[in-house]
Amino acid sequence: MKNLLIERMRNILIAREVDYLEKKLMGGITFMVDGKMCFGTFRDGLLCRVDPEEKEILLDHAGADIIEQKGREMKGYVFLQSEGYETDEALEFWIKKCLEYNPKAKASKKRKKK
């Protein structure tokens, strides 16, 4: 199931002619665009990096929820359960939202290797 989702996400990026990198991160596959996390598989769903100003509206979509890490809400991220991306149109919507926010998103700071 997860492999099918990854393939669907790749197909959307290829169709949109987006340069991307896949990286194993947080137990899933993360799609990096311009060196920044854009979206990826997470637990049994999809983690989307979206514009924090649109987040409340986006949470009204089917399957969308906030995500917490270490007891704190991750601002600018939406977690989607499968009903939120089961159709190609729904997955395309979420990836489009992630790609729209990507140019405004800040890249994480590189950690120094010890």
N, C-alpha and C. Protein backbone atom coordinates (compact mmCIF):
# COMPACT_ATOMS: atom_id res chain seq x y z
N MET A 1 0.82 -1.19 0.00
CA MET A 1 0.00 0.00 0.00
C MET A 1 0.87 1.26 0.00
N LYS A 2 1.88 1.25 0.88
CA LYS A 2 2.76 2.42 0.96
C LYS A 2 3.53 2.61 -0.35
N ASN A 3 3.95 1.48 -0.97
CA ASN A 3 4.67 1.58 -2.23
C ASN A 3 3.81 2.17 -3.34
N LEU A 4 2.53 1.84 -3.34
CA LEU A 4 1.61 2.40 -4.33
C LEU A 4 1.47 3.91 -4.12
N LEU A 5 1.37 4.34 -2.89
CA LEU A 5 1.28 5.77 -2.59
C LEU A 5 2.54 6.50 -3.06
N ILE A 6 3.69 5.93 -2.78
CA ILE A 6 4.96 6.55 -3.21
C ILE A 6 5.01 6.67 -4.73
N GLU A 7 4.57 5.62 -5.41
CA GLU A 7 4.54 5.64 -6.88
C GLU A 7 3.58 6.72 -7.39
N ARG A 8 2.44 6.85 -6.76
CA ARG A 8 1.47 7.89 -7.16
C ARG A 8 2.07 9.29 -6.97
N MET A 9 2.79 9.49 -5.85
CA MET A 9 3.39 10.80 -5.60
C MET A 9 4.49 11.09 -6.63
N ARG A 10 5.30 10.09 -6.93
CA ARG A 10 6.34 10.26 -7.96
C ARG A 10 5.71 10.67 -9.29
N ASN A 11 4.64 9.98 -9.66
CA ASN A 11 3.99 10.26 -10.95
C ASN A 11 3.49 11.70 -11.04
N ILE A 12 2.96 12.22 -9.94
CA ILE A 12 2.49 13.60 -9.94
C ILE A 12 3.65 14.56 -10.11
N LEU A 13 4.75 14.31 -9.40
CA LEU A 13 5.92 15.19 -9.52
C LEU A 13 6.52 15.12 -10.92
N ILE A 14 6.58 13.94 -11.48
CA ILE A 14 7.12 13.79 -12.84
C ILE A 14 6.23 14.52 -13.84
N ALA A 15 4.91 14.37 -13.71
CA ALA A 15 3.98 15.05 -14.62
C ALA A 15 4.10 16.56 -14.52
N ARG A 16 4.41 17.06 -13.32
CA ARG A 16 4.56 18.51 -13.11
C ARG A 16 5.99 18.98 -13.41
N GLU A 17 6.85 18.03 -13.79
CA GLU A 17 8.26 18.32 -14.10
C GLU A 17 8.98 19.01 -12.93
N VAL A 18 8.77 18.46 -11.73
CA VAL A 18 9.39 18.98 -10.52
C VAL A 18 10.65 18.17 -10.22
N ASP A 19 11.75 18.86 -9.98
CA ASP A 19 12.97 18.19 -9.54
C ASP A 19 12.82 17.88 -8.05
N TYR A 20 13.09 16.65 -7.69
CA TYR A 20 12.92 16.25 -6.29
C TYR A 20 13.94 15.18 -5.92
N LEU A 21 14.10 15.01 -4.64
CA LEU A 21 14.93 13.95 -4.07
C LEU A 21 14.08 13.17 -3.10
N GLU A 22 14.28 11.88 -3.02
CA GLU A 22 13.61 11.06 -2.02
C GLU A 22 14.60 10.75 -0.92
N LYS A 23 14.13 10.88 0.31
CA LYS A 23 15.00 10.66 1.45
C LYS A 23 14.25 9.85 2.50
N LYS A 24 14.93 8.88 3.11
CA LYS A 24 14.31 8.15 4.22
C LYS A 24 14.38 9.06 5.44
N LEU A 25 13.21 9.35 6.00
CA LEU A 25 13.13 10.28 7.12
C LEU A 25 11.92 9.92 7.97
N MET A 26 12.06 9.96 9.26
CA MET A 26 10.96 9.73 10.21
C MET A 26 10.19 8.44 9.91
N GLY A 27 10.89 7.40 9.51
CA GLY A 27 10.26 6.11 9.27
C GLY A 27 9.51 5.99 7.96
N GLY A 28 9.67 6.96 7.09
CA GLY A 28 8.98 6.91 5.79
C GLY A 28 9.86 7.47 4.69
N ILE A 29 9.26 7.76 3.58
CA ILE A 29 9.96 8.38 2.45
C ILE A 29 9.50 9.82 2.36
N THR A 30 10.45 10.74 2.40
CA THR A 30 10.16 12.16 2.30
C THR A 30 10.59 12.65 0.93
N PHE A 31 9.76 13.47 0.33
CA PHE A 31 10.07 14.07 -0.96
C PHE A 31 10.59 15.48 -0.69
N MET A 32 11.83 15.71 -1.08
CA MET A 32 12.50 16.98 -0.87
C MET A 32 12.47 17.77 -2.19
N VAL A 33 12.05 19.03 -2.11
CA VAL A 33 12.03 19.91 -3.27
C VAL A 33 12.83 21.15 -2.89
N ASP A 34 13.81 21.51 -3.71
CA ASP A 34 14.70 22.64 -3.42
C ASP A 34 15.38 22.50 -2.06
N GLY A 35 15.73 21.27 -1.71
CA GLY A 35 16.45 21.01 -0.46
C GLY A 35 15.58 21.11 0.79
N LYS A 36 14.25 21.18 0.61
CA LYS A 36 13.34 21.32 1.76
C LYS A 36 12.32 20.19 1.74
N MET A 37 11.94 19.74 2.94
CA MET A 37 10.90 18.73 3.03
C MET A 37 9.61 19.31 2.47
N CYS A 38 8.99 18.57 1.57
CA CYS A 38 7.75 19.04 0.95
C CYS A 38 6.56 18.19 1.43
N PHE A 39 6.68 16.87 1.34
CA PHE A 39 5.66 15.94 1.79
C PHE A 39 6.26 14.55 1.83
N GLY A 40 5.56 13.62 2.44
CA GLY A 40 6.08 12.26 2.46
C GLY A 40 5.19 11.32 3.24
N THR A 41 5.55 10.05 3.19
CA THR A 41 4.82 9.06 3.95
C THR A 41 5.22 9.19 5.41
N PHE A 42 4.27 8.98 6.29
CA PHE A 42 4.53 9.09 7.72
C PHE A 42 3.52 8.22 8.44
N ARG A 43 4.01 7.33 9.29
CA ARG A 43 3.15 6.35 9.95
C ARG A 43 2.31 5.67 8.89
N ASP A 44 1.00 5.66 9.03
CA ASP A 44 0.15 5.03 8.01
C ASP A 44 -0.57 6.08 7.19
N GLY A 45 0.10 7.18 6.92
CA GLY A 45 -0.54 8.25 6.17
C GLY A 45 0.45 9.11 5.42
N LEU A 46 0.08 10.36 5.27
CA LEU A 46 0.86 11.31 4.49
C LEU A 46 1.09 12.56 5.32
N LEU A 47 2.31 13.04 5.34
CA LEU A 47 2.66 14.27 6.04
C LEU A 47 2.87 15.35 4.98
N CYS A 48 2.12 16.43 5.10
CA CYS A 48 2.17 17.51 4.11
C CYS A 48 2.66 18.80 4.77
N ARG A 49 3.62 19.45 4.16
CA ARG A 49 4.09 20.75 4.64
C ARG A 49 3.33 21.82 3.86
N VAL A 50 2.50 22.56 4.59
CA VAL A 50 1.61 23.53 3.95
C VAL A 50 1.78 24.91 4.57
N ASP A 51 1.22 25.89 3.92
CA ASP A 51 1.26 27.26 4.42
C ASP A 51 0.53 27.32 5.76
N PRO A 52 1.22 27.74 6.84
CA PRO A 52 0.56 27.80 8.14
C PRO A 52 -0.68 28.69 8.15
N GLU A 53 -0.73 29.69 7.27
CA GLU A 53 -1.89 30.57 7.21
C GLU A 53 -3.12 29.87 6.61
N GLU A 54 -2.91 28.79 5.87
CA GLU A 54 -4.01 28.03 5.27
C GLU A 54 -4.37 26.79 6.08
N LYS A 55 -3.58 26.51 7.08
CA LYS A 55 -3.71 25.24 7.79
C LYS A 55 -5.11 25.00 8.36
N GLU A 56 -5.70 25.99 9.00
CA GLU A 56 -7.02 25.80 9.60
C GLU A 56 -8.07 25.42 8.56
N ILE A 57 -8.02 26.03 7.40
CA ILE A 57 -8.96 25.73 6.31
C ILE A 57 -8.71 24.31 5.80
N LEU A 58 -7.42 23.96 5.65
CA LEU A 58 -7.06 22.64 5.13
C LEU A 58 -7.47 21.52 6.08
N LEU A 59 -7.51 21.81 7.37
CA LEU A 59 -7.90 20.79 8.35
C LEU A 59 -9.36 20.39 8.22
N ASP A 60 -10.15 21.18 7.47
CA ASP A 60 -11.56 20.82 7.23
C ASP A 60 -11.72 19.72 6.18
N HIS A 61 -10.65 19.38 5.47
CA HIS A 61 -10.72 18.34 4.44
C HIS A 61 -10.76 16.95 5.09
N ALA A 62 -11.38 16.02 4.39
CA ALA A 62 -11.48 14.64 4.87
C ALA A 62 -10.09 14.07 5.17
N GLY A 63 -9.98 13.42 6.31
CA GLY A 63 -8.74 12.73 6.68
C GLY A 63 -7.63 13.62 7.20
N ALA A 64 -7.84 14.95 7.22
CA ALA A 64 -6.78 15.89 7.63
C ALA A 64 -6.80 16.10 9.14
N ASP A 65 -5.62 16.16 9.73
CA ASP A 65 -5.51 16.36 11.16
C ASP A 65 -4.19 17.05 11.48
N ILE A 66 -4.11 17.60 12.69
CA ILE A 66 -2.84 18.18 13.13
C ILE A 66 -1.89 17.03 13.44
N ILE A 67 -0.64 17.37 13.56
CA ILE A 67 0.34 16.35 13.95
C ILE A 67 1.18 16.92 15.08
N GLU A 68 1.44 16.08 16.05
CA GLU A 68 2.25 16.49 17.19
C GLU A 68 3.52 15.67 17.23
N GLN A 69 4.57 16.32 17.69
CA GLN A 69 5.84 15.64 17.90
C GLN A 69 6.34 16.08 19.28
N LYS A 70 6.59 15.11 20.12
CA LYS A 70 7.03 15.37 21.49
C LYS A 70 6.05 16.28 22.22
N GLY A 71 4.75 16.05 21.98
CA GLY A 71 3.71 16.80 22.68
C GLY A 71 3.42 18.19 22.15
N ARG A 72 4.11 18.61 21.10
CA ARG A 72 3.87 19.95 20.53
C ARG A 72 3.38 19.81 19.10
N GLU A 73 2.43 20.68 18.76
CA GLU A 73 1.89 20.68 17.40
C GLU A 73 2.97 21.14 16.42
N MET A 74 3.09 20.43 15.32
CA MET A 74 4.03 20.84 14.27
C MET A 74 3.31 21.86 13.40
N LYS A 75 3.70 23.11 13.54
CA LYS A 75 3.08 24.18 12.76
C LYS A 75 3.46 24.03 11.29
N GLY A 76 2.50 24.27 10.43
CA GLY A 76 2.79 24.19 9.00
C GLY A 76 2.77 22.77 8.44
N TYR A 77 2.33 21.81 9.23
CA TYR A 77 2.23 20.44 8.75
C TYR A 77 0.83 19.91 9.00
N VAL A 78 0.34 19.12 8.05
CA VAL A 78 -0.95 18.46 8.17
C VAL A 78 -0.71 16.97 7.96
N PHE A 79 -1.33 16.17 8.80
CA PHE A 79 -1.26 14.72 8.65
C PHE A 79 -2.54 14.25 7.97
N LEU A 80 -2.39 13.43 6.96
CA LEU A 80 -3.55 12.90 6.23
C LEU A 80 -3.67 11.41 6.41
N GLN A 81 -4.85 10.98 6.78
CA GLN A 81 -5.14 9.56 6.78
C GLN A 81 -5.60 9.19 5.37
N SER A 82 -5.62 7.91 5.07
CA SER A 82 -5.83 7.45 3.69
C SER A 82 -7.07 8.02 3.01
N GLU A 83 -8.16 8.25 3.75
CA GLU A 83 -9.37 8.79 3.09
C GLU A 83 -9.13 10.19 2.53
N GLY A 84 -8.08 10.86 2.99
CA GLY A 84 -7.78 12.20 2.50
C GLY A 84 -7.03 12.24 1.18
N TYR A 85 -6.51 11.09 0.75
CA TYR A 85 -5.75 11.08 -0.51
C TYR A 85 -6.02 9.84 -1.36
N GLU A 86 -7.14 9.19 -1.12
CA GLU A 86 -7.39 7.94 -1.85
C GLU A 86 -7.66 8.15 -3.34
N THR A 87 -8.21 9.29 -3.73
CA THR A 87 -8.40 9.53 -5.17
C THR A 87 -7.19 10.29 -5.71
N ASP A 88 -6.95 10.15 -6.99
CA ASP A 88 -5.84 10.88 -7.61
C ASP A 88 -6.04 12.39 -7.50
N GLU A 89 -7.29 12.84 -7.62
CA GLU A 89 -7.58 14.27 -7.51
C GLU A 89 -7.25 14.80 -6.12
N ALA A 90 -7.56 14.03 -5.10
CA ALA A 90 -7.28 14.45 -3.72
C ALA A 90 -5.77 14.50 -3.48
N LEU A 91 -5.05 13.48 -3.93
CA LEU A 91 -3.60 13.48 -3.75
C LEU A 91 -2.97 14.63 -4.50
N GLU A 92 -3.44 14.88 -5.72
CA GLU A 92 -2.95 16.00 -6.52
C GLU A 92 -3.19 17.32 -5.79
N PHE A 93 -4.35 17.49 -5.16
CA PHE A 93 -4.67 18.71 -4.42
C PHE A 93 -3.63 18.94 -3.32
N TRP A 94 -3.35 17.91 -2.53
CA TRP A 94 -2.41 18.07 -1.41
C TRP A 94 -0.99 18.33 -1.88
N ILE A 95 -0.56 17.63 -2.91
CA ILE A 95 0.79 17.86 -3.41
C ILE A 95 0.90 19.27 -3.98
N LYS A 96 -0.14 19.73 -4.66
CA LYS A 96 -0.15 21.10 -5.18
C LYS A 96 -0.01 22.10 -4.03
N LYS A 97 -0.73 21.89 -2.93
CA LYS A 97 -0.63 22.78 -1.77
C LYS A 97 0.79 22.79 -1.21
N CYS A 98 1.40 21.63 -1.13
CA CYS A 98 2.78 21.52 -0.62
C CYS A 98 3.75 22.25 -1.56
N LEU A 99 3.59 22.05 -2.85
CA LEU A 99 4.49 22.69 -3.82
C LEU A 99 4.31 24.21 -3.84
N GLU A 100 3.08 24.68 -3.63
CA GLU A 100 2.84 26.13 -3.58
C GLU A 100 3.55 26.76 -2.38
N TYR A 101 3.59 26.06 -1.26
CA TYR A 101 4.22 26.61 -0.06
C TYR A 101 5.74 26.45 -0.09
N ASN A 102 6.23 25.47 -0.79
CA ASN A 102 7.66 25.15 -0.77
C ASN A 102 8.59 26.34 -0.99
N PRO A 103 8.34 27.24 -1.95
CA PRO A 103 9.27 28.37 -2.14
C PRO A 103 9.34 29.30 -0.92
N LYS A 104 8.27 29.33 -0.11
CA LYS A 104 8.25 30.20 1.07
C LYS A 104 8.80 29.49 2.32
N ALA A 105 8.86 28.17 2.28
CA ALA A 105 9.30 27.40 3.44
C ALA A 105 10.79 27.59 3.67
N LYS A 106 11.16 27.54 4.94
CA LYS A 106 12.57 27.66 5.28
C LYS A 106 13.19 26.27 5.33
N ALA A 107 14.41 26.20 4.83
CA ALA A 107 15.15 24.94 4.90
C ALA A 107 15.62 24.71 6.32
N SER A 108 15.67 23.44 6.75
CA SER A 108 16.19 23.18 8.09
C SER A 108 17.69 23.41 8.10
N LYS A 109 18.15 23.76 9.29
CA LYS A 109 19.58 24.00 9.45
C LYS A 109 20.30 22.67 9.37
N LYS A 110 21.43 22.67 8.70
CA LYS A 110 22.25 21.47 8.60
C LYS A 110 22.90 21.19 9.95
N ARG A 111 22.82 19.94 10.36
CA ARG A 111 23.47 19.57 11.62
C ARG A 111 24.91 19.21 11.34
N LYS A 112 25.78 19.63 12.25
CA LYS A 112 27.18 19.30 12.13
C LYS A 112 27.39 17.84 12.52
N LYS A 113 28.18 17.15 11.74
CA LYS A 113 28.49 15.75 12.05
C LYS A 113 29.49 15.73 13.20
N LYS A 114 29.25 14.81 14.12
CA LYS A 114 30.14 14.71 15.28
C LYS A 114 31.27 13.77 15.02
